[in-house]
């Protein structure tokens, strides 16, 4: 999570604590704004993840651990990006040799552009 989001949450908490009038939902607008900013950052990061993975597997087949190493993403983000990518391009999941590590395993590739 970006540091700006954490500081935004801390600011909202501090404002709520220091406020003389504690009304239910007093910082609802601030929290809603922080959530909107966070979701926008996550969507942008997801799009960047998809672009990096698509460029990598379009050239040659790679296994998920190697995709994570090359793109510096954890496995959860790799799988999430692959799932989102499947909606727009034909990703093949085949048993083959990974280009990076050379192991015969399940690899992802984009065929036939």
N, C-alpha and C. Protein backbone atom coordinates (compact mmCIF):
# COMPACT_ATOMS: atom_id res chain seq x y z
N UNK A 1 0.85 -1.17 0.00
CA UNK A 1 0.00 0.00 0.00
C UNK A 1 0.90 1.23 0.00
N UNK A 2 0.62 2.21 -0.84
CA UNK A 2 1.46 3.41 -0.92
C UNK A 2 1.46 4.18 0.40
N UNK A 3 2.60 4.83 0.67
CA UNK A 3 2.73 5.57 1.92
C UNK A 3 1.76 6.74 1.99
N UNK A 4 1.41 7.32 0.84
CA UNK A 4 0.48 8.46 0.85
C UNK A 4 -0.89 8.04 1.39
N UNK A 5 -1.27 6.81 1.13
CA UNK A 5 -2.55 6.31 1.64
C UNK A 5 -2.49 6.16 3.15
N UNK A 6 -1.38 5.62 3.64
CA UNK A 6 -1.23 5.46 5.08
C UNK A 6 -1.23 6.81 5.78
N UNK A 7 -0.54 7.80 5.22
CA UNK A 7 -0.53 9.12 5.85
C UNK A 7 -1.92 9.76 5.77
N UNK A 8 -2.67 9.50 4.69
CA UNK A 8 -4.04 10.01 4.59
C UNK A 8 -4.94 9.41 5.65
N UNK A 9 -4.79 8.11 5.91
CA UNK A 9 -5.57 7.48 6.96
C UNK A 9 -5.20 8.02 8.34
N UNK A 10 -3.90 8.22 8.58
CA UNK A 10 -3.47 8.78 9.86
C UNK A 10 -4.01 10.18 10.06
N UNK A 11 -4.02 10.98 9.00
CA UNK A 11 -4.56 12.34 9.09
C UNK A 11 -6.04 12.30 9.43
N UNK A 12 -6.78 11.40 8.80
CA UNK A 12 -8.22 11.28 9.08
C UNK A 12 -8.46 10.84 10.51
N UNK A 13 -7.67 9.89 10.99
CA UNK A 13 -7.81 9.43 12.38
C UNK A 13 -7.52 10.56 13.37
N UNK A 14 -6.43 11.30 13.11
CA UNK A 14 -6.04 12.39 13.99
C UNK A 14 -7.13 13.47 14.02
N UNK A 15 -7.67 13.80 12.86
CA UNK A 15 -8.72 14.80 12.78
C UNK A 15 -9.95 14.34 13.55
N UNK A 16 -10.28 13.06 13.46
CA UNK A 16 -11.44 12.54 14.17
C UNK A 16 -11.22 12.55 15.68
N UNK A 17 -9.98 12.24 16.11
CA UNK A 17 -9.67 12.24 17.55
C UNK A 17 -9.70 13.65 18.13
N UNK A 18 -9.17 14.61 17.37
CA UNK A 18 -9.06 15.98 17.87
C UNK A 18 -10.36 16.77 17.74
N UNK A 19 -11.29 16.24 17.00
CA UNK A 19 -12.55 16.94 16.77
C UNK A 19 -13.36 17.00 18.06
N UNK A 20 -13.93 18.17 18.33
CA UNK A 20 -14.75 18.34 19.52
C UNK A 20 -16.13 17.74 19.34
N UNK A 21 -16.59 17.71 18.11
CA UNK A 21 -17.93 17.15 17.87
C UNK A 21 -17.79 15.80 17.19
N UNK A 22 -17.93 14.78 17.95
CA UNK A 22 -17.83 13.42 17.41
C UNK A 22 -19.20 12.96 16.98
N UNK A 23 -19.39 13.03 15.70
CA UNK A 23 -20.65 12.63 15.10
C UNK A 23 -20.39 11.35 14.31
N UNK A 24 -21.33 10.46 14.37
CA UNK A 24 -21.17 9.21 13.60
C UNK A 24 -21.03 9.57 12.13
N UNK A 25 -19.97 9.09 11.49
CA UNK A 25 -19.73 9.35 10.07
C UNK A 25 -19.06 10.68 9.81
N UNK A 26 -18.43 11.30 10.83
CA UNK A 26 -17.82 12.61 10.67
C UNK A 26 -16.67 12.58 9.67
N UNK A 27 -15.91 11.50 9.63
CA UNK A 27 -14.78 11.43 8.70
C UNK A 27 -15.10 10.52 7.53
N UNK A 28 -16.35 10.29 7.28
CA UNK A 28 -16.76 9.40 6.19
C UNK A 28 -16.28 9.91 4.84
N UNK A 29 -16.37 11.23 4.61
CA UNK A 29 -15.92 11.79 3.34
C UNK A 29 -14.42 11.60 3.15
N UNK A 30 -13.65 11.80 4.20
CA UNK A 30 -12.21 11.63 4.11
C UNK A 30 -11.85 10.18 3.83
N UNK A 31 -12.47 9.28 4.54
CA UNK A 31 -12.20 7.85 4.33
C UNK A 31 -12.62 7.43 2.92
N UNK A 32 -13.75 7.93 2.44
CA UNK A 32 -14.20 7.61 1.09
C UNK A 32 -13.20 8.11 0.05
N UNK A 33 -12.67 9.31 0.26
CA UNK A 33 -11.66 9.86 -0.66
C UNK A 33 -10.40 9.00 -0.67
N UNK A 34 -9.95 8.60 0.51
CA UNK A 34 -8.76 7.75 0.60
C UNK A 34 -9.00 6.42 -0.09
N UNK A 35 -10.18 5.84 0.08
CA UNK A 35 -10.50 4.57 -0.58
C UNK A 35 -10.53 4.72 -2.10
N UNK A 36 -11.08 5.81 -2.60
CA UNK A 36 -11.11 6.05 -4.05
C UNK A 36 -9.69 6.19 -4.59
N UNK A 37 -8.84 6.94 -3.88
CA UNK A 37 -7.46 7.10 -4.32
C UNK A 37 -6.71 5.77 -4.30
N UNK A 38 -6.95 4.97 -3.27
CA UNK A 38 -6.29 3.67 -3.16
C UNK A 38 -6.72 2.75 -4.30
N UNK A 39 -8.03 2.71 -4.59
CA UNK A 39 -8.49 1.83 -5.67
C UNK A 39 -7.95 2.29 -7.01
N UNK A 40 -7.80 3.60 -7.23
CA UNK A 40 -7.22 4.10 -8.47
C UNK A 40 -5.76 3.67 -8.59
N UNK A 41 -5.02 3.74 -7.48
CA UNK A 41 -3.62 3.30 -7.50
C UNK A 41 -3.52 1.81 -7.79
N UNK A 42 -4.40 1.02 -7.18
CA UNK A 42 -4.36 -0.43 -7.39
C UNK A 42 -4.72 -0.79 -8.83
N UNK A 43 -5.70 -0.07 -9.42
CA UNK A 43 -6.05 -0.33 -10.82
C UNK A 43 -4.89 0.01 -11.73
N UNK A 44 -4.22 1.13 -11.48
CA UNK A 44 -3.08 1.52 -12.31
C UNK A 44 -1.96 0.51 -12.17
N UNK A 45 -1.70 0.07 -10.94
CA UNK A 45 -0.66 -0.92 -10.71
C UNK A 45 -1.01 -2.23 -11.40
N UNK A 46 -2.31 -2.63 -11.36
CA UNK A 46 -2.74 -3.84 -12.04
C UNK A 46 -2.54 -3.77 -13.54
N UNK A 47 -2.80 -2.60 -14.12
CA UNK A 47 -2.61 -2.42 -15.56
C UNK A 47 -1.13 -2.49 -15.91
N UNK A 48 -0.28 -1.91 -15.08
CA UNK A 48 1.16 -1.98 -15.31
C UNK A 48 1.66 -3.42 -15.19
N UNK A 49 1.12 -4.17 -14.23
CA UNK A 49 1.48 -5.58 -14.07
C UNK A 49 1.11 -6.36 -15.33
N UNK A 50 -0.10 -6.13 -15.83
CA UNK A 50 -0.57 -6.84 -17.02
C UNK A 50 0.33 -6.54 -18.22
N UNK A 51 0.71 -5.29 -18.40
CA UNK A 51 1.55 -4.91 -19.53
C UNK A 51 2.92 -5.58 -19.47
N UNK A 52 3.51 -5.61 -18.28
CA UNK A 52 4.83 -6.23 -18.12
C UNK A 52 4.76 -7.73 -18.38
N UNK A 53 3.74 -8.38 -17.86
CA UNK A 53 3.60 -9.83 -18.05
C UNK A 53 3.29 -10.15 -19.50
N UNK A 54 2.43 -9.37 -20.13
CA UNK A 54 2.08 -9.61 -21.54
C UNK A 54 3.31 -9.48 -22.42
N UNK A 55 4.14 -8.48 -22.18
CA UNK A 55 5.36 -8.31 -22.97
C UNK A 55 6.31 -9.48 -22.77
N UNK A 56 6.38 -9.99 -21.56
CA UNK A 56 7.29 -11.09 -21.27
C UNK A 56 6.83 -12.40 -21.90
N UNK A 57 5.56 -12.75 -21.72
CA UNK A 57 5.11 -14.06 -22.23
C UNK A 57 4.74 -14.02 -23.70
N UNK A 58 4.62 -12.83 -24.29
CA UNK A 58 4.38 -12.75 -25.73
C UNK A 58 5.64 -13.20 -26.48
N UNK A 59 6.78 -12.87 -25.94
CA UNK A 59 8.04 -13.22 -26.60
C UNK A 59 8.33 -14.71 -26.47
N UNK A 60 8.25 -15.23 -25.25
CA UNK A 60 8.62 -16.63 -25.00
C UNK A 60 7.85 -17.15 -23.79
N UNK A 61 7.65 -18.47 -23.70
CA UNK A 61 6.91 -19.03 -22.55
C UNK A 61 7.72 -18.95 -21.26
N UNK A 62 7.02 -18.62 -20.17
CA UNK A 62 7.65 -18.54 -18.85
C UNK A 62 6.74 -19.18 -17.81
N UNK A 63 7.35 -19.75 -16.78
CA UNK A 63 6.59 -20.27 -15.64
C UNK A 63 6.30 -19.12 -14.67
N UNK A 64 5.35 -19.32 -13.78
CA UNK A 64 4.96 -18.25 -12.84
C UNK A 64 6.12 -17.81 -11.94
N UNK A 65 6.92 -18.73 -11.38
CA UNK A 65 8.04 -18.25 -10.55
C UNK A 65 9.02 -17.36 -11.33
N UNK A 66 9.28 -17.69 -12.57
CA UNK A 66 10.19 -16.87 -13.37
C UNK A 66 9.55 -15.55 -13.78
N UNK A 67 8.24 -15.56 -14.05
CA UNK A 67 7.55 -14.30 -14.33
C UNK A 67 7.68 -13.38 -13.12
N UNK A 68 7.52 -13.95 -11.92
CA UNK A 68 7.66 -13.17 -10.71
C UNK A 68 9.06 -12.62 -10.52
N UNK A 69 10.07 -13.41 -10.84
CA UNK A 69 11.45 -12.96 -10.69
C UNK A 69 11.78 -11.85 -11.69
N UNK A 70 11.39 -12.05 -12.94
CA UNK A 70 11.72 -11.07 -13.98
C UNK A 70 10.97 -9.76 -13.78
N UNK A 71 9.70 -9.84 -13.41
CA UNK A 71 8.89 -8.63 -13.27
C UNK A 71 8.91 -8.07 -11.85
N UNK A 72 9.52 -8.76 -10.91
CA UNK A 72 9.60 -8.36 -9.51
C UNK A 72 8.21 -8.26 -8.87
N UNK A 73 7.34 -9.23 -9.20
CA UNK A 73 5.99 -9.31 -8.63
C UNK A 73 5.89 -10.59 -7.81
N UNK A 74 5.06 -10.55 -6.77
CA UNK A 74 4.83 -11.78 -6.02
C UNK A 74 3.83 -12.65 -6.81
N UNK A 75 3.75 -13.91 -6.45
CA UNK A 75 2.93 -14.87 -7.20
C UNK A 75 1.46 -14.47 -7.24
N UNK A 76 0.96 -13.90 -6.17
CA UNK A 76 -0.44 -13.47 -6.11
C UNK A 76 -0.73 -12.41 -7.17
N UNK A 77 0.18 -11.43 -7.30
CA UNK A 77 -0.01 -10.38 -8.32
C UNK A 77 0.15 -10.93 -9.72
N UNK A 78 1.05 -11.92 -9.89
CA UNK A 78 1.23 -12.54 -11.21
C UNK A 78 -0.06 -13.24 -11.62
N UNK A 79 -0.62 -14.05 -10.73
CA UNK A 79 -1.86 -14.77 -11.06
C UNK A 79 -3.02 -13.80 -11.30
N UNK A 80 -3.10 -12.73 -10.51
CA UNK A 80 -4.17 -11.75 -10.70
C UNK A 80 -4.04 -11.07 -12.06
N UNK A 81 -2.83 -10.72 -12.44
CA UNK A 81 -2.61 -10.07 -13.73
C UNK A 81 -2.90 -11.05 -14.88
N UNK A 82 -2.52 -12.30 -14.72
CA UNK A 82 -2.81 -13.30 -15.76
C UNK A 82 -4.31 -13.48 -15.94
N UNK A 83 -5.06 -13.50 -14.84
CA UNK A 83 -6.52 -13.65 -14.94
C UNK A 83 -7.14 -12.45 -15.65
N UNK A 84 -6.68 -11.25 -15.33
CA UNK A 84 -7.21 -10.07 -16.00
C UNK A 84 -6.80 -10.04 -17.47
N UNK A 85 -5.62 -10.53 -17.76
CA UNK A 85 -5.11 -10.56 -19.13
C UNK A 85 -5.89 -11.54 -20.00
N UNK A 86 -6.37 -12.63 -19.39
CA UNK A 86 -7.13 -13.65 -20.13
C UNK A 86 -8.40 -13.08 -20.74
N UNK A 87 -8.91 -12.00 -20.18
CA UNK A 87 -10.14 -11.40 -20.71
C UNK A 87 -9.90 -10.70 -22.05
N UNK A 88 -8.66 -10.31 -22.32
CA UNK A 88 -8.41 -9.55 -23.54
C UNK A 88 -7.54 -10.27 -24.57
N UNK A 89 -6.71 -11.20 -24.16
CA UNK A 89 -5.85 -11.93 -25.10
C UNK A 89 -5.92 -13.42 -24.83
N UNK A 90 -5.52 -14.19 -25.81
CA UNK A 90 -5.52 -15.65 -25.70
C UNK A 90 -4.23 -16.11 -25.03
N UNK A 91 -4.30 -16.43 -23.75
CA UNK A 91 -3.14 -16.94 -23.03
C UNK A 91 -3.24 -18.45 -22.99
N UNK A 92 -2.16 -19.10 -23.39
CA UNK A 92 -2.14 -20.56 -23.35
C UNK A 92 -1.34 -21.03 -22.15
N UNK A 93 -1.90 -21.98 -21.45
CA UNK A 93 -1.26 -22.61 -20.31
C UNK A 93 -0.90 -24.01 -20.77
N UNK A 94 0.38 -24.26 -21.02
CA UNK A 94 0.82 -25.53 -21.59
C UNK A 94 1.96 -26.12 -20.77
N UNK A 95 2.17 -27.39 -20.97
CA UNK A 95 3.33 -28.04 -20.38
C UNK A 95 4.48 -27.87 -21.36
N UNK A 96 5.51 -27.20 -20.92
CA UNK A 96 6.64 -26.93 -21.81
C UNK A 96 7.85 -26.48 -21.03
N UNK A 97 8.84 -26.03 -21.76
CA UNK A 97 10.10 -25.60 -21.15
C UNK A 97 10.08 -24.09 -20.94
N UNK A 98 10.35 -23.68 -19.71
CA UNK A 98 10.43 -22.25 -19.38
C UNK A 98 11.69 -21.68 -20.01
N UNK A 99 11.57 -20.54 -20.62
CA UNK A 99 12.69 -19.91 -21.29
C UNK A 99 13.77 -19.48 -20.32
N UNK A 100 13.38 -19.01 -19.15
CA UNK A 100 14.36 -18.47 -18.21
C UNK A 100 15.07 -19.56 -17.42
N UNK A 101 14.32 -20.45 -16.79
CA UNK A 101 14.95 -21.44 -15.91
C UNK A 101 15.26 -22.76 -16.62
N UNK A 102 14.62 -23.01 -17.75
CA UNK A 102 14.88 -24.22 -18.51
C UNK A 102 14.18 -25.47 -18.01
N UNK A 103 13.36 -25.35 -16.95
CA UNK A 103 12.64 -26.51 -16.44
C UNK A 103 11.44 -26.82 -17.32
N UNK A 104 11.11 -28.08 -17.41
CA UNK A 104 9.88 -28.49 -18.08
C UNK A 104 8.79 -28.46 -17.03
N UNK A 105 7.84 -27.55 -17.21
CA UNK A 105 6.80 -27.31 -16.22
C UNK A 105 5.61 -26.67 -16.92
N UNK A 106 4.67 -26.19 -16.18
CA UNK A 106 3.54 -25.46 -16.76
C UNK A 106 3.98 -24.04 -17.04
N UNK A 107 3.85 -23.62 -18.29
CA UNK A 107 4.28 -22.29 -18.69
C UNK A 107 3.11 -21.52 -19.30
N UNK A 108 3.19 -20.20 -19.27
CA UNK A 108 2.20 -19.33 -19.86
C UNK A 108 2.79 -18.69 -21.10
N UNK A 109 2.00 -18.58 -22.15
CA UNK A 109 2.46 -17.93 -23.36
C UNK A 109 1.27 -17.33 -24.10
N UNK A 110 1.54 -16.32 -24.91
CA UNK A 110 0.51 -15.72 -25.77
C UNK A 110 0.82 -16.15 -27.19
N UNK A 111 -0.10 -16.81 -27.81
CA UNK A 111 0.10 -17.31 -29.17
C UNK A 111 -0.80 -16.58 -30.16
N UNK A 112 -0.33 -16.50 -31.38
CA UNK A 112 -1.17 -16.03 -32.49
C UNK A 112 -1.73 -14.63 -32.37
N UNK A 113 -0.88 -13.64 -32.51
CA UNK A 113 -1.38 -12.25 -32.52
C UNK A 113 -1.85 -11.86 -33.89
